[in-house]
Amino acid sequence: MKLVTVLMLTALPLYCYAGLGCDLLEDLVSVTIDPDVNVTEYINKVQEFLPGEESEKAFIALKECFLQQSEETLEKAQELEHVIYSSFWCARY
């Protein structure tokens, strides 16, 4: 599951570079990382990005993975997020 997380976070600059909206992705990642948001709230917030039941199951698994992480790991994920969004590619959007 950590591999999926790393791949998701490393793909973000490509989305930003394509102009798909760094703010939207930043909000989505922030909600995913936030330990104060439970699975039900999370699914309600990301419902527009879920085309089907399989996607919803994947998002639930991703959120549950983040909920099981230590505070240190979550802080490092947030640091990575900020580095990505302050990168050259996202700074233009």
PDB file of N, CA and C in Angstrom:
ATOM      1  N   MET A   1       0.821  -1.188   0.000  1.00  0.00           N
ATOM      2  CA  MET A   1       0.000   0.000   0.000  1.00  0.00           C
ATOM      3  C   MET A   1       0.871   1.261   0.000  1.00  0.00           C
ATOM      4  N   LYS A   2       2.045   1.173   0.635  1.00  0.00           N
ATOM      5  CA  LYS A   2       2.935   2.333   0.628  1.00  0.00           C
ATOM      6  C   LYS A   2       3.409   2.634  -0.788  1.00  0.00           C
ATOM      7  N   LEU A   3       3.588   1.607  -1.588  1.00  0.00           N
ATOM      8  CA  LEU A   3       3.993   1.815  -2.971  1.00  0.00           C
ATOM      9  C   LEU A   3       2.928   2.595  -3.726  1.00  0.00           C
ATOM     10  N   VAL A   4       1.659   2.256  -3.517  1.00  0.00           N
ATOM     11  CA  VAL A   4       0.563   2.970  -4.166  1.00  0.00           C
ATOM     12  C   VAL A   4       0.588   4.438  -3.750  1.00  0.00           C
ATOM     13  N   THR A   5       0.820   4.681  -2.470  1.00  0.00           N
ATOM     14  CA  THR A   5       0.872   6.045  -1.961  1.00  0.00           C
ATOM     15  C   THR A   5       2.011   6.824  -2.600  1.00  0.00           C
ATOM     16  N   VAL A   6       3.174   6.221  -2.657  1.00  0.00           N
ATOM     17  CA  VAL A   6       4.329   6.884  -3.262  1.00  0.00           C
ATOM     18  C   VAL A   6       4.063   7.173  -4.738  1.00  0.00           C
ATOM     19  N   LEU A   7       3.502   6.208  -5.441  1.00  0.00           N
ATOM     20  CA  LEU A   7       3.203   6.420  -6.858  1.00  0.00           C
ATOM     21  C   LEU A   7       2.189   7.535  -7.054  1.00  0.00           C
ATOM     22  N   MET A   8       1.174   7.579  -6.183  1.00  0.00           N
ATOM     23  CA  MET A   8       0.164   8.628  -6.283  1.00  0.00           C
ATOM     24  C   MET A   8       0.802  10.000  -6.081  1.00  0.00           C
ATOM     25  N   LEU A   9       1.650  10.126  -5.054  1.00  0.00           N
ATOM     26  CA  LEU A   9       2.260  11.415  -4.756  1.00  0.00           C
ATOM     27  C   LEU A   9       3.292  11.830  -5.793  1.00  0.00           C
ATOM     28  N   THR A  10       3.968  10.872  -6.407  1.00  0.00           N
ATOM     29  CA  THR A  10       4.948  11.235  -7.434  1.00  0.00           C
ATOM     30  C   THR A  10       4.274  11.581  -8.755  1.00  0.00           C
ATOM     31  N   ALA A  11       3.056  11.150  -8.961  1.00  0.00           N
ATOM     32  CA  ALA A  11       2.332  11.467 -10.187  1.00  0.00           C
ATOM     33  C   ALA A  11       1.726  12.865 -10.157  1.00  0.00           C
ATOM     34  N   LEU A  12       1.641  13.479  -8.994  1.00  0.00           N
ATOM     35  CA  LEU A  12       1.002  14.791  -8.880  1.00  0.00           C
ATOM     36  C   LEU A  12       1.653  15.877  -9.734  1.00  0.00           C
ATOM     37  N   PRO A  13       2.983  15.944  -9.815  1.00  0.00           N
ATOM     38  CA  PRO A  13       3.551  16.995 -10.678  1.00  0.00           C
ATOM     39  C   PRO A  13       3.108  16.875 -12.131  1.00  0.00           C
ATOM     40  N   LEU A  14       2.886  15.663 -12.597  1.00  0.00           N
ATOM     41  CA  LEU A  14       2.418  15.482 -13.972  1.00  0.00           C
ATOM     42  C   LEU A  14       1.025  16.067 -14.150  1.00  0.00           C
ATOM     43  N   TYR A  15       0.159  15.872 -13.167  1.00  0.00           N
ATOM     44  CA  TYR A  15      -1.177  16.451 -13.232  1.00  0.00           C
ATOM     45  C   TYR A  15      -1.094  17.970 -13.219  1.00  0.00           C
ATOM     46  N   CYS A  16      -0.233  18.492 -12.363  1.00  0.00           N
ATOM     47  CA  CYS A  16      -0.078  19.940 -12.290  1.00  0.00           C
ATOM     48  C   CYS A  16       0.475  20.497 -13.595  1.00  0.00           C
ATOM     49  N   TYR A  17       1.457  19.809 -14.141  1.00  0.00           N
ATOM     50  CA  TYR A  17       2.067  20.246 -15.389  1.00  0.00           C
ATOM     51  C   TYR A  17       1.039  20.270 -16.518  1.00  0.00           C
ATOM     52  N   ALA A  18       0.110  19.334 -16.485  1.00  0.00           N
ATOM     53  CA  ALA A  18      -0.917  19.262 -17.517  1.00  0.00           C
ATOM     54  C   ALA A  18      -1.989  20.328 -17.329  1.00  0.00           C
ATOM     55  N   GLY A  19      -1.940  21.048 -16.216  1.00  0.00           N
ATOM     56  CA  GLY A  19      -2.899  22.122 -15.986  1.00  0.00           C
ATOM     57  C   GLY A  19      -4.245  21.647 -15.501  1.00  0.00           C
ATOM     58  N   LEU A  20      -4.298  20.498 -14.883  1.00  0.00           N
ATOM     59  CA  LEU A  20      -5.570  19.950 -14.435  1.00  0.00           C
ATOM     60  C   LEU A  20      -6.043  20.517 -13.106  1.00  0.00           C
ATOM     61  N   GLY A  21      -5.252  21.340 -12.490  1.00  0.00           N
ATOM     62  CA  GLY A  21      -5.690  21.998 -11.273  1.00  0.00           C
ATOM     63  C   GLY A  21      -4.973  21.523 -10.038  1.00  0.00           C
ATOM     64  N   CYS A  22      -3.916  22.197  -9.696  1.00  0.00           N
ATOM     65  CA  CYS A  22      -3.159  21.819  -8.507  1.00  0.00           C
ATOM     66  C   CYS A  22      -3.972  22.014  -7.238  1.00  0.00           C
ATOM     67  N   ASP A  23      -4.818  23.043  -7.213  1.00  0.00           N
ATOM     68  CA  ASP A  23      -5.620  23.287  -6.007  1.00  0.00           C
ATOM     69  C   ASP A  23      -6.549  22.123  -5.723  1.00  0.00           C
ATOM     70  N   LEU A  24      -7.180  21.601  -6.749  1.00  0.00           N
ATOM     71  CA  LEU A  24      -8.085  20.467  -6.591  1.00  0.00           C
ATOM     72  C   LEU A  24      -7.332  19.244  -6.078  1.00  0.00           C
ATOM     73  N   LEU A  25      -6.181  18.982  -6.668  1.00  0.00           N
ATOM     74  CA  LEU A  25      -5.371  17.845  -6.231  1.00  0.00           C
ATOM     75  C   LEU A  25      -4.824  18.061  -4.827  1.00  0.00           C
ATOM     76  N   GLU A  26      -4.432  19.282  -4.525  1.00  0.00           N
ATOM     77  CA  GLU A  26      -3.915  19.585  -3.198  1.00  0.00           C
ATOM     78  C   GLU A  26      -4.981  19.320  -2.141  1.00  0.00           C
ATOM     79  N   ASP A  27      -6.207  19.742  -2.415  1.00  0.00           N
ATOM     80  CA  ASP A  27      -7.307  19.484  -1.480  1.00  0.00           C
ATOM     81  C   ASP A  27      -7.562  17.996  -1.318  1.00  0.00           C
ATOM     82  N   LEU A  28      -7.548  17.275  -2.421  1.00  0.00           N
ATOM     83  CA  LEU A  28      -7.786  15.838  -2.382  1.00  0.00           C
ATOM     84  C   LEU A  28      -6.713  15.117  -1.566  1.00  0.00           C
ATOM     85  N   VAL A  29      -5.456  15.466  -1.797  1.00  0.00           N
ATOM     86  CA  VAL A  29      -4.360  14.834  -1.066  1.00  0.00           C
ATOM     87  C   VAL A  29      -4.401  15.220   0.409  1.00  0.00           C
ATOM     88  N   SER A  30      -4.709  16.476   0.692  1.00  0.00           N
ATOM     89  CA  SER A  30      -4.778  16.927   2.086  1.00  0.00           C
ATOM     90  C   SER A  30      -5.851  16.170   2.862  1.00  0.00           C
ATOM     91  N   VAL A  31      -6.993  15.969   2.246  1.00  0.00           N
ATOM     92  CA  VAL A  31      -8.074  15.223   2.899  1.00  0.00           C
ATOM     93  C   VAL A  31      -7.660  13.765   3.088  1.00  0.00           C
ATOM     94  N   THR A  32      -6.941  13.221   2.131  1.00  0.00           N
ATOM     95  CA  THR A  32      -6.486  11.840   2.228  1.00  0.00           C
ATOM     96  C   THR A  32      -5.499  11.667   3.377  1.00  0.00           C
ATOM     97  N   ILE A  33      -4.596  12.608   3.536  1.00  0.00           N
ATOM     98  CA  ILE A  33      -3.568  12.525   4.568  1.00  0.00           C
ATOM     99  C   ILE A  33      -4.105  12.862   5.953  1.00  0.00           C
ATOM    100  N   ASP A  34      -5.107  13.717   6.035  1.00  0.00           N
ATOM    101  CA  ASP A  34      -5.622  14.227   7.312  1.00  0.00           C
ATOM    102  C   ASP A  34      -6.144  13.105   8.213  1.00  0.00           C
ATOM    103  N   PRO A  35      -5.528  12.897   9.383  1.00  0.00           N
ATOM    104  CA  PRO A  35      -5.972  11.826  10.281  1.00  0.00           C
ATOM    105  C   PRO A  35      -7.293  12.136  11.000  1.00  0.00           C
ATOM    106  N   ASP A  36      -7.740  13.401  10.937  1.00  0.00           N
ATOM    107  CA  ASP A  36      -8.987  13.786  11.596  1.00  0.00           C
ATOM    108  C   ASP A  36     -10.222  13.511  10.733  1.00  0.00           C
ATOM    109  N   VAL A  37     -10.010  13.151   9.478  1.00  0.00           N
ATOM    110  CA  VAL A  37     -11.115  12.841   8.575  1.00  0.00           C
ATOM    111  C   VAL A  37     -11.290  11.328   8.543  1.00  0.00           C
ATOM    112  N   ASN A  38     -12.467  10.858   8.969  1.00  0.00           N
ATOM    113  CA  ASN A  38     -12.703   9.409   8.961  1.00  0.00           C
ATOM    114  C   ASN A  38     -13.096   8.945   7.554  1.00  0.00           C
ATOM    115  N   VAL A  39     -13.233   7.652   7.392  1.00  0.00           N
ATOM    116  CA  VAL A  39     -13.481   7.068   6.065  1.00  0.00           C
ATOM    117  C   VAL A  39     -14.794   7.565   5.467  1.00  0.00           C
ATOM    118  N   THR A  40     -15.844   7.638   6.277  1.00  0.00           N
ATOM    119  CA  THR A  40     -17.148   8.082   5.765  1.00  0.00           C
ATOM    120  C   THR A  40     -17.085   9.526   5.273  1.00  0.00           C
ATOM    121  N   GLU A  41     -16.492  10.408   6.059  1.00  0.00           N
ATOM    122  CA  GLU A  41     -16.332  11.805   5.641  1.00  0.00           C
ATOM    123  C   GLU A  41     -15.494  11.894   4.373  1.00  0.00           C
ATOM    124  N   TYR A  42     -14.439  11.108   4.336  1.00  0.00           N
ATOM    125  CA  TYR A  42     -13.537  11.108   3.197  1.00  0.00           C
ATOM    126  C   TYR A  42     -14.274  10.728   1.911  1.00  0.00           C
ATOM    127  N   ILE A  43     -15.035   9.646   1.970  1.00  0.00           N
ATOM    128  CA  ILE A  43     -15.775   9.202   0.780  1.00  0.00           C
ATOM    129  C   ILE A  43     -16.785  10.258   0.351  1.00  0.00           C
ATOM    130  N   ASN A  44     -17.443  10.905   1.313  1.00  0.00           N
ATOM    131  CA  ASN A  44     -18.383  11.974   0.971  1.00  0.00           C
ATOM    132  C   ASN A  44     -17.681  13.139   0.274  1.00  0.00           C
ATOM    133  N   LYS A  45     -16.452  13.463   0.703  1.00  0.00           N
ATOM    134  CA  LYS A  45     -15.724  14.584   0.111  1.00  0.00           C
ATOM    135  C   LYS A  45     -15.163  14.263  -1.274  1.00  0.00           C
ATOM    136  N   VAL A  46     -14.862  13.006  -1.535  1.00  0.00           N
ATOM    137  CA  VAL A  46     -14.251  12.638  -2.816  1.00  0.00           C
ATOM    138  C   VAL A  46     -15.229  11.933  -3.752  1.00  0.00           C
ATOM    139  N   GLN A  47     -16.481  11.929  -3.417  1.00  0.00           N
ATOM    140  CA  GLN A  47     -17.494  11.202  -4.190  1.00  0.00           C
ATOM    141  C   GLN A  47     -17.486  11.563  -5.674  1.00  0.00           C
ATOM    142  N   GLU A  48     -17.230  12.824  -5.991  1.00  0.00           N
ATOM    143  CA  GLU A  48     -17.250  13.254  -7.392  1.00  0.00           C
ATOM    144  C   GLU A  48     -16.128  12.622  -8.228  1.00  0.00           C
ATOM    145  N   PHE A  49     -15.100  12.097  -7.563  1.00  0.00           N
ATOM    146  CA  PHE A  49     -13.977  11.479  -8.265  1.00  0.00           C
ATOM    147  C   PHE A  49     -14.126   9.959  -8.387  1.00  0.00           C
ATOM    148  N   LEU A  50     -15.212   9.417  -7.890  1.00  0.00           N
ATOM    149  CA  LEU A  50     -15.401   7.967  -7.856  1.00  0.00           C
ATOM    150  C   LEU A  50     -16.388   7.538  -8.937  1.00  0.00           C
ATOM    151  N   PRO A  51     -15.888   6.981 -10.031  1.00  0.00           N
ATOM    152  CA  PRO A  51     -16.781   6.582 -11.113  1.00  0.00           C
ATOM    153  C   PRO A  51     -17.548   5.287 -10.842  1.00  0.00           C
ATOM    154  N   GLY A  52     -17.102   4.517  -9.871  1.00  0.00           N
ATOM    155  CA  GLY A  52     -17.781   3.251  -9.621  1.00  0.00           C
ATOM    156  C   GLY A  52     -17.421   2.665  -8.270  1.00  0.00           C
ATOM    157  N   GLU A  53     -18.007   1.505  -8.016  1.00  0.00           N
ATOM    158  CA  GLU A  53     -17.826   0.829  -6.734  1.00  0.00           C
ATOM    159  C   GLU A  53     -16.381   0.389  -6.502  1.00  0.00           C
ATOM    160  N   GLU A  54     -15.719  -0.061  -7.554  1.00  0.00           N
ATOM    161  CA  GLU A  54     -14.326  -0.502  -7.412  1.00  0.00           C
ATOM    162  C   GLU A  54     -13.424   0.668  -7.022  1.00  0.00           C
ATOM    163  N   SER A  55     -13.670   1.820  -7.616  1.00  0.00           N
ATOM    164  CA  SER A  55     -12.887   3.012  -7.265  1.00  0.00           C
ATOM    165  C   SER A  55     -13.132   3.400  -5.814  1.00  0.00           C
ATOM    166  N   GLU A  56     -14.377   3.301  -5.388  1.00  0.00           N
ATOM    167  CA  GLU A  56     -14.700   3.629  -3.998  1.00  0.00           C
ATOM    168  C   GLU A  56     -13.970   2.691  -3.037  1.00  0.00           C
ATOM    169  N   LYS A  57     -13.931   1.415  -3.369  1.00  0.00           N
ATOM    170  CA  LYS A  57     -13.205   0.458  -2.527  1.00  0.00           C
ATOM    171  C   LYS A  57     -11.719   0.801  -2.459  1.00  0.00           C
ATOM    172  N   ALA A  58     -11.157   1.220  -3.589  1.00  0.00           N
ATOM    173  CA  ALA A  58      -9.741   1.590  -3.623  1.00  0.00           C
ATOM    174  C   ALA A  58      -9.482   2.834  -2.775  1.00  0.00           C
ATOM    175  N   PHE A  59     -10.363   3.821  -2.858  1.00  0.00           N
ATOM    176  CA  PHE A  59     -10.212   5.025  -2.049  1.00  0.00           C
ATOM    177  C   PHE A  59     -10.371   4.717  -0.567  1.00  0.00           C
ATOM    178  N   ILE A  60     -11.270   3.817  -0.222  1.00  0.00           N
ATOM    179  CA  ILE A  60     -11.439   3.407   1.175  1.00  0.00           C
ATOM    180  C   ILE A  60     -10.160   2.751   1.680  1.00  0.00           C
ATOM    181  N   ALA A  61      -9.597   1.862   0.871  1.00  0.00           N
ATOM    182  CA  ALA A  61      -8.361   1.185   1.265  1.00  0.00           C
ATOM    183  C   ALA A  61      -7.223   2.194   1.429  1.00  0.00           C
ATOM    184  N   LEU A  62      -7.141   3.177   0.537  1.00  0.00           N
ATOM    185  CA  LEU A  62      -6.106   4.204   0.620  1.00  0.00           C
ATOM    186  C   LEU A  62      -6.257   5.014   1.904  1.00  0.00           C
ATOM    187  N   LYS A  63      -7.477   5.437   2.201  1.00  0.00           N
ATOM    188  CA  LYS A  63      -7.711   6.231   3.417  1.00  0.00           C
ATOM    189  C   LYS A  63      -7.404   5.408   4.658  1.00  0.00           C
ATOM    190  N   GLU A  64      -7.828   4.162   4.680  1.00  0.00           N
ATOM    191  CA  GLU A  64      -7.548   3.301   5.834  1.00  0.00           C
ATOM    192  C   GLU A  64      -6.046   3.124   6.020  1.00  0.00           C
ATOM    193  N   CYS A  65      -5.316   3.064   4.924  1.00  0.00           N
ATOM    194  CA  CYS A  65      -3.857   2.962   5.001  1.00  0.00           C
ATOM    195  C   CYS A  65      -3.288   4.193   5.697  1.00  0.00           C
ATOM    196  N   PHE A  66      -3.738   5.377   5.306  1.00  0.00           N
ATOM    197  CA  PHE A  66      -3.248   6.596   5.939  1.00  0.00           C
ATOM    198  C   PHE A  66      -3.668   6.683   7.404  1.00  0.00           C
ATOM    199  N   LEU A  67      -4.841   6.192   7.731  1.00  0.00           N
ATOM    200  CA  LEU A  67      -5.298   6.242   9.124  1.00  0.00           C
ATOM    201  C   LEU A  67      -4.463   5.341  10.026  1.00  0.00           C
ATOM    202  N   GLN A  68      -3.808   4.352   9.457  1.00  0.00           N
ATOM    203  CA  GLN A  68      -2.991   3.431  10.241  1.00  0.00           C
ATOM    204  C   GLN A  68      -1.547   3.896  10.389  1.00  0.00           C
ATOM    205  N   GLN A  69      -1.192   4.996   9.759  1.00  0.00           N
ATOM    206  CA  GLN A  69       0.191   5.470   9.784  1.00  0.00           C
ATOM    207  C   GLN A  69       0.472   6.287  11.043  1.00  0.00           C
ATOM    208  N   SER A  70       1.722   6.346  11.402  1.00  0.00           N
ATOM    209  CA  SER A  70       2.140   7.142  12.557  1.00  0.00           C
ATOM    210  C   SER A  70       2.082   8.628  12.206  1.00  0.00           C
ATOM    211  N   GLU A  71       2.101   9.462  13.225  1.00  0.00           N
ATOM    212  CA  GLU A  71       2.106  10.909  13.013  1.00  0.00           C
ATOM    213  C   GLU A  71       3.336  11.339  12.211  1.00  0.00           C
ATOM    214  N   GLU A  72       4.457  10.700  12.492  1.00  0.00           N
ATOM    215  CA  GLU A  72       5.698  11.036  11.783  1.00  0.00           C
ATOM    216  C   GLU A  72       5.554  10.768  10.281  1.00  0.00           C
ATOM    217  N   THR A  73       4.974   9.633   9.933  1.00  0.00           N
ATOM    218  CA  THR A  73       4.784   9.293   8.521  1.00  0.00           C
ATOM    219  C   THR A  73       3.839  10.276   7.855  1.00  0.00           C
ATOM    220  N   LEU A  74       2.758  10.647   8.540  1.00  0.00           N
ATOM    221  CA  LEU A  74       1.799  11.602   7.980  1.00  0.00           C
ATOM    222  C   LEU A  74       2.446  12.974   7.787  1.00  0.00           C
ATOM    223  N   GLU A  75       3.281  13.382   8.729  1.00  0.00           N
ATOM    224  CA  GLU A  75       3.979  14.658   8.590  1.00  0.00           C
ATOM    225  C   GLU A  75       4.911  14.643   7.390  1.00  0.00           C
ATOM    226  N   LYS A  76       5.597  13.536   7.183  1.00  0.00           N
ATOM    227  CA  LYS A  76       6.502  13.423   6.032  1.00  0.00           C
ATOM    228  C   LYS A  76       5.710  13.429   4.716  1.00  0.00           C
ATOM    229  N   ALA A  77       4.549  12.803   4.707  1.00  0.00           N
ATOM    230  CA  ALA A  77       3.703  12.823   3.509  1.00  0.00           C
ATOM    231  C   ALA A  77       3.234  14.244   3.221  1.00  0.00           C
ATOM    232  N   GLN A  78       2.904  15.000   4.266  1.00  0.00           N
ATOM    233  CA  GLN A  78       2.497  16.389   4.078  1.00  0.00           C
ATOM    234  C   GLN A  78       3.662  17.238   3.591  1.00  0.00           C
ATOM    235  N   GLU A  79       4.855  16.975   4.087  1.00  0.00           N
ATOM    236  CA  GLU A  79       6.044  17.687   3.603  1.00  0.00           C
ATOM    237  C   GLU A  79       6.260  17.409   2.123  1.00  0.00           C
ATOM    238  N   LEU A  80       6.115  16.152   1.732  1.00  0.00           N
ATOM    239  CA  LEU A  80       6.266  15.788   0.325  1.00  0.00           C
ATOM    240  C   LEU A  80       5.233  16.517  -0.532  1.00  0.00           C
ATOM    241  N   GLU A  81       4.023  16.575  -0.041  1.00  0.00           N
ATOM    242  CA  GLU A  81       2.963  17.278  -0.758  1.00  0.00           C
ATOM    243  C   GLU A  81       3.342  18.743  -0.973  1.00  0.00           C
ATOM    244  N   HIS A  82       3.841  19.402   0.057  1.00  0.00           N
ATOM    245  CA  HIS A  82       4.213  20.812  -0.056  1.00  0.00           C
ATOM    246  C   HIS A  82       5.395  21.011  -1.004  1.00  0.00           C
ATOM    247  N   VAL A  83       6.329  20.092  -0.990  1.00  0.00           N
ATOM    248  CA  VAL A  83       7.466  20.177  -1.917  1.00  0.00           C
ATOM    249  C   VAL A  83       6.976  20.062  -3.354  1.00  0.00           C
ATOM    250  N   ILE A  84       6.054  19.151  -3.581  1.00  0.00           N
ATOM    251  CA  ILE A  84       5.517  18.967  -4.934  1.00  0.00           C
ATOM    252  C   ILE A  84       4.787  20.221  -5.391  1.00  0.00           C
ATOM    253  N   TYR A  85       3.927  20.770  -4.534  1.00  0.00           N
ATOM    254  CA  TYR A  85       3.128  21.929  -4.946  1.00  0.00           C
ATOM    255  C   TYR A  85       3.919  23.215  -5.030  1.00  0.00           C
ATOM    256  N   SER A  86       5.082  23.267  -4.424  1.00  0.00           N
ATOM    257  CA  SER A  86       5.926  24.454  -4.575  1.00  0.00           C
ATOM    258  C   SER A  86       6.982  24.220  -5.658  1.00  0.00           C
ATOM    259  N   SER A  87       6.862  23.117  -6.362  1.00  0.00           N
ATOM    260  CA  SER A  87       7.813  22.800  -7.419  1.00  0.00           C
ATOM    261  C   SER A  87       7.615  23.712  -8.633  1.00  0.00           C
ATOM    262  N   PHE A  88       8.566  23.665  -9.513  1.00  0.00           N
ATOM    263  CA  PHE A  88       8.528  24.456 -10.742  1.00  0.00           C
ATOM    264  C   PHE A  88       7.241  24.207 -11.542  1.00  0.00           C
ATOM    265  N   TRP A  89       6.827  22.946 -11.643  1.00  0.00           N
ATOM    266  CA  TRP A  89       5.681  22.588 -12.475  1.00  0.00           C
ATOM    267  C   TRP A  89       4.372  23.111 -11.916  1.00  0.00           C
ATOM    268  N   CYS A  90       4.197  23.028 -10.625  1.00  0.00           N
ATOM    269  CA  CYS A  90       2.934  23.479 -10.035  1.00  0.00           C
ATOM    270  C   CYS A  90       2.917  24.974  -9.763  1.00  0.00           C
ATOM    271  N   ALA A  91       4.067  25.585  -9.636  1.00  0.00           N
ATOM    272  CA  ALA A  91       4.129  27.017  -9.327  1.00  0.00           C
ATOM    273  C   ALA A  91       3.462  27.857 -10.415  1.00  0.00           C
ATOM    274  N   ARG A  92       3.408  27.345 -11.619  1.00  0.00           N
ATOM    275  CA  ARG A  92       2.806  28.102 -12.718  1.00  0.00           C
ATOM    276  C   ARG A  92       1.286  28.094 -12.684  1.00  0.00           C
ATOM    277  N   TYR A  93       0.675  27.245 -11.862  1.00  0.00           N
ATOM    278  CA  TYR A  93      -0.786  27.128 -11.884  1.00  0.00           C
ATOM    279  C   TYR A  93      -1.387  27.650 -10.635  1.00  0.00           C
TER     280      TYR A  93
END
